[in-house]
Amino acid sequence: MTRNINLALYKNLMKYLLAFGNPYLKEDNLALELADLLIKEKIKGIDIVKCISPEEVLDYLDKDFYILDVVKDLKKIMLIDDIDKLKSGKMVSLHDFDLGFFLKLMKETGKIEKVKIICVPQTGDIKDLLPEVQKVITQ
């Protein structure tokens, strides 16, 4: 019984990083490549999950999670914690429109209130971005 309680407590303390992208599109796979490197790092307390479909977020609504995705025309890493900041046009927008739309829909229906999105430049250097992403998820 103690082992089950400890396992449940450990799962509640876990953070999850949901990395989104399309592995077949160079302009949309940097977050997935970063996820591969982060998986190899084996960061204690962080579970890295590679996602392709926006609805995969639903499995983590009751957990502490970050989303990692690329953003077109972004110059440096950015953390967004307000879904309302996900806008098309000149404001910040996720490269993957489906994910942004899905998150807004989830907010409108009351399924999600807060979100932490780590936005990385679509054309960023993976070696430079890796330590920055690590810093955000281990804070």
C-alpha atoms as a PDB file:
ATOM      1  CA  MET A   1       0.000   0.000   0.000  1.00  0.00           C
ATOM      2  CA  THR A   2       2.816   2.413   0.856  1.00  0.00           C
ATOM      3  CA  ARG A   3       4.372   1.798  -2.550  1.00  0.00           C
ATOM      4  CA  ASN A   4       1.078   2.746  -4.280  1.00  0.00           C
ATOM      5  CA  ILE A   5       0.794   5.936  -2.220  1.00  0.00           C
ATOM      6  CA  ASN A   6       4.392   6.862  -2.997  1.00  0.00           C
ATOM      7  CA  LEU A   7       3.843   6.179  -6.701  1.00  0.00           C
ATOM      8  CA  ALA A   8       0.691   8.344  -6.721  1.00  0.00           C
ATOM      9  CA  LEU A   9       2.520  11.131  -4.893  1.00  0.00           C
ATOM     10  CA  TYR A  10       5.416  10.895  -7.353  1.00  0.00           C
ATOM     11  CA  LYS A  11       3.046  11.152 -10.325  1.00  0.00           C
ATOM     12  CA  ASN A  12       1.471  14.260  -8.781  1.00  0.00           C
ATOM     13  CA  LEU A  13       4.914  15.851  -8.475  1.00  0.00           C
ATOM     14  CA  MET A  14       5.839  15.058 -12.066  1.00  0.00           C
ATOM     15  CA  LYS A  15       5.932  17.727 -14.714  1.00  0.00           C
ATOM     16  CA  TYR A  16       5.125  16.842 -18.282  1.00  0.00           C
ATOM     17  CA  LEU A  17       6.474  18.434 -21.429  1.00  0.00           C
ATOM     18  CA  LEU A  18       4.188  17.889 -24.398  1.00  0.00           C
ATOM     19  CA  ALA A  19       6.211  18.520 -27.549  1.00  0.00           C
ATOM     20  CA  PHE A  20       4.131  19.184 -30.654  1.00  0.00           C
ATOM     21  CA  GLY A  21       5.028  19.123 -34.305  1.00  0.00           C
ATOM     22  CA  ASN A  22       4.964  17.243 -37.541  1.00  0.00           C
ATOM     23  CA  PRO A  23       7.943  14.902 -37.886  1.00  0.00           C
ATOM     24  CA  TYR A  24       7.653  15.035 -41.685  1.00  0.00           C
ATOM     25  CA  LEU A  25       7.839  18.823 -42.080  1.00  0.00           C
ATOM     26  CA  LYS A  26      11.219  20.454 -41.476  1.00  0.00           C
ATOM     27  CA  GLU A  27       9.542  23.754 -40.571  1.00  0.00           C
ATOM     28  CA  ASP A  28       7.412  22.051 -37.905  1.00  0.00           C
ATOM     29  CA  ASN A  29       9.620  19.414 -36.291  1.00  0.00           C
ATOM     30  CA  LEU A  30      12.099  21.367 -34.144  1.00  0.00           C
ATOM     31  CA  ALA A  31      10.060  20.871 -30.951  1.00  0.00           C
ATOM     32  CA  LEU A  32      10.058  17.119 -31.576  1.00  0.00           C
ATOM     33  CA  GLU A  33      13.821  17.146 -32.174  1.00  0.00           C
ATOM     34  CA  LEU A  34      14.287  19.036 -28.903  1.00  0.00           C
ATOM     35  CA  ALA A  35      12.093  16.441 -27.189  1.00  0.00           C
ATOM     36  CA  ASP A  36      14.367  13.658 -28.451  1.00  0.00           C
ATOM     37  CA  LEU A  37      17.387  15.391 -26.895  1.00  0.00           C
ATOM     38  CA  LEU A  38      15.538  16.090 -23.650  1.00  0.00           C
ATOM     39  CA  ILE A  39      14.501  12.433 -23.409  1.00  0.00           C
ATOM     40  CA  LYS A  40      18.177  11.457 -23.627  1.00  0.00           C
ATOM     41  CA  GLU A  41      18.991  13.930 -20.813  1.00  0.00           C
ATOM     42  CA  LYS A  42      16.634  12.017 -18.449  1.00  0.00           C
ATOM     43  CA  ILE A  43      15.693  15.074 -16.391  1.00  0.00           C
ATOM     44  CA  LYS A  44      14.440  13.987 -12.985  1.00  0.00           C
ATOM     45  CA  GLY A  45      10.770  14.763 -12.427  1.00  0.00           C
ATOM     46  CA  ILE A  46      10.086  15.591 -16.086  1.00  0.00           C
ATOM     47  CA  ASP A  47       8.284  13.242 -18.451  1.00  0.00           C
ATOM     48  CA  ILE A  48       8.725  14.201 -22.118  1.00  0.00           C
ATOM     49  CA  VAL A  49       5.849  13.275 -24.433  1.00  0.00           C
ATOM     50  CA  LYS A  50       5.996  13.673 -28.207  1.00  0.00           C
ATOM     51  CA  CYS A  51       2.585  14.678 -29.549  1.00  0.00           C
ATOM     52  CA  ILE A  52       1.181  15.020 -33.030  1.00  0.00           C
ATOM     53  CA  SER A  53      -2.497  15.677 -32.347  1.00  0.00           C
ATOM     54  CA  PRO A  54      -3.822  18.608 -30.242  1.00  0.00           C
ATOM     55  CA  GLU A  55      -6.328  16.464 -28.382  1.00  0.00           C
ATOM     56  CA  GLU A  56      -3.448  14.669 -26.663  1.00  0.00           C
ATOM     57  CA  VAL A  57      -3.502  17.637 -24.255  1.00  0.00           C
ATOM     58  CA  LEU A  58      -6.726  16.226 -22.786  1.00  0.00           C
ATOM     59  CA  ASP A  59      -4.783  13.424 -21.099  1.00  0.00           C
ATOM     60  CA  TYR A  60      -2.784  15.968 -19.061  1.00  0.00           C
ATOM     61  CA  LEU A  61      -5.387  18.512 -17.928  1.00  0.00           C
ATOM     62  CA  ASP A  62      -5.140  17.315 -14.329  1.00  0.00           C
ATOM     63  CA  LYS A  63      -1.335  17.406 -14.352  1.00  0.00           C
ATOM     64  CA  ASP A  64       1.417  20.027 -14.280  1.00  0.00           C
ATOM     65  CA  PHE A  65       2.412  20.329 -17.942  1.00  0.00           C
ATOM     66  CA  TYR A  66       4.165  22.517 -20.459  1.00  0.00           C
ATOM     67  CA  ILE A  67       3.611  22.602 -24.195  1.00  0.00           C
ATOM     68  CA  LEU A  68       6.598  22.932 -26.510  1.00  0.00           C
ATOM     69  CA  ASP A  69       5.974  24.123 -30.052  1.00  0.00           C
ATOM     70  CA  VAL A  70       7.601  26.181 -32.775  1.00  0.00           C
ATOM     71  CA  VAL A  71       6.531  29.709 -33.649  1.00  0.00           C
ATOM     72  CA  LYS A  72       7.101  31.231 -37.047  1.00  0.00           C
ATOM     73  CA  ASP A  73       9.127  34.471 -37.113  1.00  0.00           C
ATOM     74  CA  LEU A  74      10.059  34.236 -33.422  1.00  0.00           C
ATOM     75  CA  LYS A  75      13.628  35.372 -32.690  1.00  0.00           C
ATOM     76  CA  LYS A  76      14.149  33.867 -29.218  1.00  0.00           C
ATOM     77  CA  ILE A  77      12.451  31.443 -26.849  1.00  0.00           C
ATOM     78  CA  MET A  78       9.262  32.731 -25.225  1.00  0.00           C
ATOM     79  CA  LEU A  79       7.010  31.425 -22.458  1.00  0.00           C
ATOM     80  CA  ILE A  80       3.291  32.093 -22.875  1.00  0.00           C
ATOM     81  CA  ASP A  81       1.007  31.490 -19.914  1.00  0.00           C
ATOM     82  CA  ASP A  82      -2.155  33.071 -21.289  1.00  0.00           C
ATOM     83  CA  ILE A  83      -4.179  31.332 -23.986  1.00  0.00           C
ATOM     84  CA  ASP A  84      -5.633  34.684 -25.028  1.00  0.00           C
ATOM     85  CA  LYS A  85      -2.183  35.699 -26.284  1.00  0.00           C
ATOM     86  CA  LEU A  86      -2.435  33.040 -28.979  1.00  0.00           C
ATOM     87  CA  LYS A  87      -3.632  35.154 -31.854  1.00  0.00           C
ATOM     88  CA  SER A  88      -3.149  35.106 -35.569  1.00  0.00           C
ATOM     89  CA  GLY A  89      -1.706  38.068 -37.376  1.00  0.00           C
ATOM     90  CA  LYS A  90       0.967  40.278 -35.859  1.00  0.00           C
ATOM     91  CA  MET A  91       0.561  38.975 -32.313  1.00  0.00           C
ATOM     92  CA  VAL A  92       2.147  35.713 -31.123  1.00  0.00           C
ATOM     93  CA  SER A  93       0.710  32.705 -32.911  1.00  0.00           C
ATOM     94  CA  LEU A  94       1.623  29.052 -32.777  1.00  0.00           C
ATOM     95  CA  HIS A  95       2.910  27.731 -36.064  1.00  0.00           C
ATOM     96  CA  ASP A  96       0.521  24.832 -35.718  1.00  0.00           C
ATOM     97  CA  PHE A  97      -2.849  26.604 -36.015  1.00  0.00           C
ATOM     98  CA  ASP A  98      -4.721  23.495 -34.922  1.00  0.00           C
ATOM     99  CA  LEU A  99      -3.058  23.482 -31.489  1.00  0.00           C
ATOM    100  CA  GLY A 100      -3.760  27.166 -30.874  1.00  0.00           C
ATOM    101  CA  PHE A 101      -7.369  26.800 -31.979  1.00  0.00           C
ATOM    102  CA  PHE A 102      -7.790  23.690 -29.821  1.00  0.00           C
ATOM    103  CA  LEU A 103      -6.424  25.439 -26.711  1.00  0.00           C
ATOM    104  CA  LYS A 104      -8.746  28.401 -27.233  1.00  0.00           C
ATOM    105  CA  LEU A 105     -11.682  26.047 -27.680  1.00  0.00           C
ATOM    106  CA  MET A 106     -10.763  24.219 -24.465  1.00  0.00           C
ATOM    107  CA  LYS A 107     -10.642  27.539 -22.617  1.00  0.00           C
ATOM    108  CA  GLU A 108     -14.023  28.630 -24.009  1.00  0.00           C
ATOM    109  CA  THR A 109     -15.610  25.358 -22.897  1.00  0.00           C
ATOM    110  CA  GLY A 110     -14.056  25.599 -19.433  1.00  0.00           C
ATOM    111  CA  LYS A 111     -11.832  22.518 -19.852  1.00  0.00           C
ATOM    112  CA  ILE A 112      -8.602  24.467 -19.347  1.00  0.00           C
ATOM    113  CA  GLU A 113      -7.851  27.790 -17.685  1.00  0.00           C
ATOM    114  CA  LYS A 114      -4.090  28.040 -17.646  1.00  0.00           C
ATOM    115  CA  VAL A 115      -1.403  26.802 -19.951  1.00  0.00           C
ATOM    116  CA  LYS A 116       2.373  27.121 -20.134  1.00  0.00           C
ATOM    117  CA  ILE A 117       3.630  27.146 -23.706  1.00  0.00           C
ATOM    118  CA  ILE A 118       7.327  27.200 -24.454  1.00  0.00           C
ATOM    119  CA  CYS A 119       7.606  28.768 -27.882  1.00  0.00           C
ATOM    120  CA  VAL A 120      10.796  28.166 -29.816  1.00  0.00           C
ATOM    121  CA  PRO A 121      11.835  29.808 -33.069  1.00  0.00           C
ATOM    122  CA  GLN A 122      10.915  27.781 -36.111  1.00  0.00           C
ATOM    123  CA  THR A 123      14.432  28.157 -37.483  1.00  0.00           C
ATOM    124  CA  GLY A 124      16.312  28.158 -34.162  1.00  0.00           C
ATOM    125  CA  ASP A 125      19.606  26.406 -33.485  1.00  0.00           C
ATOM    126  CA  ILE A 126      18.806  23.270 -31.494  1.00  0.00           C
ATOM    127  CA  LYS A 127      22.100  23.430 -29.574  1.00  0.00           C
ATOM    128  CA  ASP A 128      21.298  26.947 -28.347  1.00  0.00           C
ATOM    129  CA  LEU A 129      17.651  26.205 -27.599  1.00  0.00           C
ATOM    130  CA  LEU A 130      18.180  23.009 -25.595  1.00  0.00           C
ATOM    131  CA  PRO A 131      19.646  24.627 -22.438  1.00  0.00           C
ATOM    132  CA  GLU A 132      17.036  27.378 -22.551  1.00  0.00           C
ATOM    133  CA  VAL A 133      14.170  24.865 -22.663  1.00  0.00           C
ATOM    134  CA  GLN A 134      15.798  22.860 -19.862  1.00  0.00           C
ATOM    135  CA  LYS A 135      15.989  25.989 -17.724  1.00  0.00           C
ATOM    136  CA  VAL A 136      12.275  26.736 -18.182  1.00  0.00           C
ATOM    137  CA  ILE A 137      11.035  23.221 -17.372  1.00  0.00           C
ATOM    138  CA  THR A 138      13.261  22.755 -14.312  1.00  0.00           C
ATOM    139  CA  GLN A 139      12.376  26.032 -12.580  1.00  0.00           C
END
